[in-house]
PDB file of N, CA and C in Angstrom:
ATOM      1  N   MET A   1     103.479 141.608 101.096  1.00  0.00           N
ATOM      2  CA  MET A   1     103.559 140.247 101.305  1.00  0.00           C
ATOM      3  C   MET A   1     104.690 140.039 102.373  1.00  0.00           C
ATOM      4  N   THR A   2     104.321 139.183 103.434  1.00  0.00           N
ATOM      5  CA  THR A   2     105.308 139.004 104.736  1.00  0.00           C
ATOM      6  C   THR A   2     106.206 138.075 104.138  1.00  0.00           C
ATOM      7  N   ALA A   3     107.340 138.089 104.932  1.00  0.00           N
ATOM      8  CA  ALA A   3     108.548 137.211 104.433  1.00  0.00           C
ATOM      9  C   ALA A   3     108.100 135.839 104.710  1.00  0.00           C
ATOM     10  N   THR A   4     107.302 135.302 105.824  1.00  0.00           N
ATOM     11  CA  THR A   4     106.869 133.890 105.923  1.00  0.00           C
ATOM     12  C   THR A   4     105.911 133.645 104.780  1.00  0.00           C
ATOM     13  N   ALA A   5     105.035 134.527 104.276  1.00  0.00           N
ATOM     14  CA  ALA A   5     104.260 134.150 103.099  1.00  0.00           C
ATOM     15  C   ALA A   5     104.901 134.008 101.905  1.00  0.00           C
ATOM     16  N   ALA A   6     106.031 134.765 101.455  1.00  0.00           N
ATOM     17  CA  ALA A   6     106.742 134.632 100.316  1.00  0.00           C
ATOM     18  C   ALA A   6     107.629 133.499 100.455  1.00  0.00           C
ATOM     19  N   SER A   7     108.227 133.170 101.589  1.00  0.00           N
ATOM     20  CA  SER A   7     108.784 131.685 101.711  1.00  0.00           C
ATOM     21  C   SER A   7     107.915 130.552 101.483  1.00  0.00           C
ATOM     22  N   PHE A   8     106.843 130.739 101.983  1.00  0.00           N
ATOM     23  CA  PHE A   8     105.949 129.510 101.807  1.00  0.00           C
ATOM     24  C   PHE A   8     105.514 129.356 100.324  1.00  0.00           C
ATOM     25  N   THR A   9     105.141 130.699  99.668  1.00  0.00           N
ATOM     26  CA  THR A   9     104.551 130.535  98.371  1.00  0.00           C
ATOM     27  C   THR A   9     106.064 129.957  97.592  1.00  0.00           C
ATOM     28  N   ALA A  10     107.189 130.344  97.770  1.00  0.00           N
ATOM     29  CA  ALA A  10     108.341 129.876  97.094  1.00  0.00           C
ATOM     30  C   ALA A  10     108.493 128.081  97.502  1.00  0.00           C
ATOM     31  N   ALA A  11     108.513 128.013  98.580  1.00  0.00           N
ATOM     32  CA  ALA A  11     108.479 126.522  98.688  1.00  0.00           C
ATOM     33  C   ALA A  11     107.471 125.366  98.093  1.00  0.00           C
ATOM     34  N   ARG A  12     106.260 126.258  97.982  1.00  0.00           N
ATOM     35  CA  ARG A  12     104.988 125.466  97.116  1.00  0.00           C
ATOM     36  C   ARG A  12     105.358 125.261  95.775  1.00  0.00           C
ATOM     37  N   ARG A  13     106.122 126.239  95.285  1.00  0.00           N
ATOM     38  CA  ARG A  13     106.142 126.097  93.873  1.00  0.00           C
ATOM     39  C   ARG A  13     107.353 125.106  93.461  1.00  0.00           C
ATOM     40  N   ARG A  14     108.419 124.853  94.497  1.00  0.00           N
ATOM     41  CA  ARG A  14     109.377 123.908  94.156  1.00  0.00           C
ATOM     42  C   ARG A  14     108.804 122.734  94.517  1.00  0.00           C
ATOM     43  N   ALA A  15     107.919 122.424  95.617  1.00  0.00           N
ATOM     44  CA  ALA A  15     107.930 120.956  96.093  1.00  0.00           C
ATOM     45  C   ALA A  15     106.782 120.259  95.419  1.00  0.00           C
ATOM     46  N   ARG A  16     107.167 119.787  94.204  1.00  0.00           N
ATOM     47  CA  ARG A  16     106.209 119.090  93.192  1.00  0.00           C
ATOM     48  C   ARG A  16     106.350 117.804  93.464  1.00  0.00           C
ATOM     49  N   THR A  17     105.601 116.940  93.783  1.00  0.00           N
ATOM     50  CA  THR A  17     105.833 115.628  94.504  1.00  0.00           C
ATOM     51  C   THR A  17     105.060 114.673  93.708  1.00  0.00           C
ATOM     52  N   GLY A  18     104.564 114.958  92.526  1.00  0.00           N
ATOM     53  CA  GLY A  18     104.010 114.077  91.653  1.00  0.00           C
ATOM     54  C   GLY A  18     102.524 113.422  92.351  1.00  0.00           C
ATOM     55  N   GLY A  19     101.752 114.383  92.893  1.00  0.00           N
ATOM     56  CA  GLY A  19     100.660 114.218  93.531  1.00  0.00           C
ATOM     57  C   GLY A  19      99.380 113.876  92.370  1.00  0.00           C
ATOM     58  N   PRO A  20      98.229 113.655  93.076  1.00  0.00           N
ATOM     59  CA  PRO A  20      97.019 113.253  91.963  1.00  0.00           C
ATOM     60  C   PRO A  20      96.844 114.249  91.177  1.00  0.00           C
ATOM     61  N   ASP A  21      97.053 115.279  91.256  1.00  0.00           N
ATOM     62  CA  ASP A  21      96.862 116.596  90.262  1.00  0.00           C
ATOM     63  C   ASP A  21      97.873 117.240  89.706  1.00  0.00           C
ATOM     64  N   ASP A  22      99.129 116.297  89.480  1.00  0.00           N
ATOM     65  CA  ASP A  22     100.213 116.563  88.824  1.00  0.00           C
ATOM     66  C   ASP A  22     100.418 116.134  87.556  1.00  0.00           C
ATOM     67  N   GLY A  23      99.723 116.646  86.511  1.00  0.00           N
ATOM     68  CA  GLY A  23     100.052 116.093  85.107  1.00  0.00           C
ATOM     69  C   GLY A  23      99.074 115.077  84.651  1.00  0.00           C
ATOM     70  N   PRO A  24      98.888 115.061  83.208  1.00  0.00           N
ATOM     71  CA  PRO A  24      98.017 113.981  82.737  1.00  0.00           C
ATOM     72  C   PRO A  24      98.393 112.739  83.051  1.00  0.00           C
ATOM     73  N   LYS A  25      97.234 112.163  83.373  1.00  0.00           N
ATOM     74  CA  LYS A  25      97.401 110.572  83.821  1.00  0.00           C
ATOM     75  C   LYS A  25      97.491 109.593  82.778  1.00  0.00           C
ATOM     76  N   LEU A  26      96.648 109.703  81.689  1.00  0.00           N
ATOM     77  CA  LEU A  26      96.701 109.110  80.543  1.00  0.00           C
ATOM     78  C   LEU A  26      98.034 108.949  79.816  1.00  0.00           C
ATOM     79  N   LEU A  27      98.645 110.160  79.763  1.00  0.00           N
ATOM     80  CA  LEU A  27     100.133 110.082  79.065  1.00  0.00           C
ATOM     81  C   LEU A  27     101.000 109.459  80.047  1.00  0.00           C
ATOM     82  N   GLU A  28     101.117 109.563  81.225  1.00  0.00           N
ATOM     83  CA  GLU A  28     101.892 108.709  82.010  1.00  0.00           C
ATOM     84  C   GLU A  28     101.642 107.229  82.166  1.00  0.00           C
ATOM     85  N   HIS A  29     100.291 106.879  82.117  1.00  0.00           N
ATOM     86  CA  HIS A  29     100.053 105.644  81.860  1.00  0.00           C
ATOM     87  C   HIS A  29     100.640 104.881  80.632  1.00  0.00           C
ATOM     88  N   VAL A  30     100.387 105.529  79.626  1.00  0.00           N
ATOM     89  CA  VAL A  30     101.140 105.071  78.197  1.00  0.00           C
ATOM     90  C   VAL A  30     102.449 105.063  78.248  1.00  0.00           C
ATOM     91  N   LEU A  31     103.034 106.037  78.808  1.00  0.00           N
ATOM     92  CA  LEU A  31     104.499 105.895  78.693  1.00  0.00           C
ATOM     93  C   LEU A  31     105.190 104.650  79.628  1.00  0.00           C
ATOM     94  N   GLY A  32     104.282 104.480  80.659  1.00  0.00           N
ATOM     95  CA  GLY A  32     104.704 103.673  81.745  1.00  0.00           C
ATOM     96  C   GLY A  32     104.588 102.062  81.148  1.00  0.00           C
ATOM     97  N   TRP A  33     103.592 101.766  80.532  1.00  0.00           N
ATOM     98  CA  TRP A  33     102.857 100.229  79.783  1.00  0.00           C
ATOM     99  C   TRP A  33     104.351 100.281  78.635  1.00  0.00           C
ATOM    100  N   THR A  34     104.544 101.424  77.747  1.00  0.00           N
ATOM    101  CA  THR A  34     105.403 101.275  76.613  1.00  0.00           C
ATOM    102  C   THR A  34     106.917 100.900  77.130  1.00  0.00           C
ATOM    103  N   LEU A  35     107.032 101.353  78.362  1.00  0.00           N
ATOM    104  CA  LEU A  35     108.369 101.208  79.036  1.00  0.00           C
ATOM    105  C   LEU A  35     108.469  99.480  79.521  1.00  0.00           C
ATOM    106  N   VAL A  36     107.393  99.148  80.036  1.00  0.00           N
ATOM    107  CA  VAL A  36     107.196  97.821  80.565  1.00  0.00           C
ATOM    108  C   VAL A  36     107.435  96.831  79.142  1.00  0.00           C
ATOM    109  N   ILE A  37     106.912  97.229  78.153  1.00  0.00           N
ATOM    110  CA  ILE A  37     107.074  96.258  76.902  1.00  0.00           C
ATOM    111  C   ILE A  37     108.199  96.345  76.512  1.00  0.00           C
ATOM    112  N   VAL A  38     108.893  97.744  76.265  1.00  0.00           N
ATOM    113  CA  VAL A  38     110.456  97.671  75.724  1.00  0.00           C
ATOM    114  C   VAL A  38     111.234  96.829  76.751  1.00  0.00           C
ATOM    115  N   VAL A  39     110.952  96.874  78.036  1.00  0.00           N
ATOM    116  CA  VAL A  39     111.935  96.362  78.784  1.00  0.00           C
ATOM    117  C   VAL A  39     111.635  94.491  78.519  1.00  0.00           C
ATOM    118  N   ALA A  40     110.385  94.261  78.672  1.00  0.00           N
ATOM    119  CA  ALA A  40     110.262  92.949  78.222  1.00  0.00           C
ATOM    120  C   ALA A  40     110.588  92.333  76.856  1.00  0.00           C
ATOM    121  N   MET A  41     110.519  93.052  75.860  1.00  0.00           N
ATOM    122  CA  MET A  41     111.172  92.842  74.715  1.00  0.00           C
ATOM    123  C   MET A  41     112.593  92.720  74.616  1.00  0.00           C
ATOM    124  N   LEU A  42     113.430  93.534  75.250  1.00  0.00           N
ATOM    125  CA  LEU A  42     115.060  93.476  75.394  1.00  0.00           C
ATOM    126  C   LEU A  42     115.368  92.164  76.364  1.00  0.00           C
ATOM    127  N   VAL A  43     114.566  91.860  77.328  1.00  0.00           N
ATOM    128  CA  VAL A  43     114.811  90.840  78.170  1.00  0.00           C
ATOM    129  C   VAL A  43     114.346  89.630  77.170  1.00  0.00           C
ATOM    130  N   THR A  44     113.431  89.461  76.577  1.00  0.00           N
ATOM    131  CA  THR A  44     113.327  88.365  75.503  1.00  0.00           C
ATOM    132  C   THR A  44     114.475  87.965  74.501  1.00  0.00           C
ATOM    133  N   GLN A  45     114.835  88.997  73.747  1.00  0.00           N
ATOM    134  CA  GLN A  45     115.801  88.974  72.795  1.00  0.00           C
ATOM    135  C   GLN A  45     117.134  88.876  73.516  1.00  0.00           C
ATOM    136  N   LEU A  46     117.447  89.202  74.591  1.00  0.00           N
ATOM    137  CA  LEU A  46     118.614  88.852  75.143  1.00  0.00           C
ATOM    138  C   LEU A  46     118.568  87.456  75.808  1.00  0.00           C
ATOM    139  N   GLY A  47     117.503  86.877  75.929  1.00  0.00           N
ATOM    140  CA  GLY A  47     117.582  85.558  76.150  1.00  0.00           C
ATOM    141  C   GLY A  47     117.887  85.484  77.872  1.00  0.00           C
ATOM    142  N   LEU A  48     117.161  86.186  78.599  1.00  0.00           N
ATOM    143  CA  LEU A  48     117.509  86.335  79.969  1.00  0.00           C
ATOM    144  C   LEU A  48     116.313  85.874  80.854  1.00  0.00           C
ATOM    145  N   LEU A  49     115.511  85.528  80.101  1.00  0.00           N
ATOM    146  CA  LEU A  49     114.358  84.797  80.848  1.00  0.00           C
ATOM    147  C   LEU A  49     113.918  83.351  80.249  1.00  0.00           C
TER     148      LEU A  49
END
């Protein structure tokens, strides 16, 4: 393995950008909507809206 190939491989391992093939989509959507609901309940309870 050349130095260039090694540095490219190391950079690819570090650069996780959250692209379309990065992790389970269902879990991400469920957690996202859960956060939205919790924030909405907090805003309602505090009377901010």
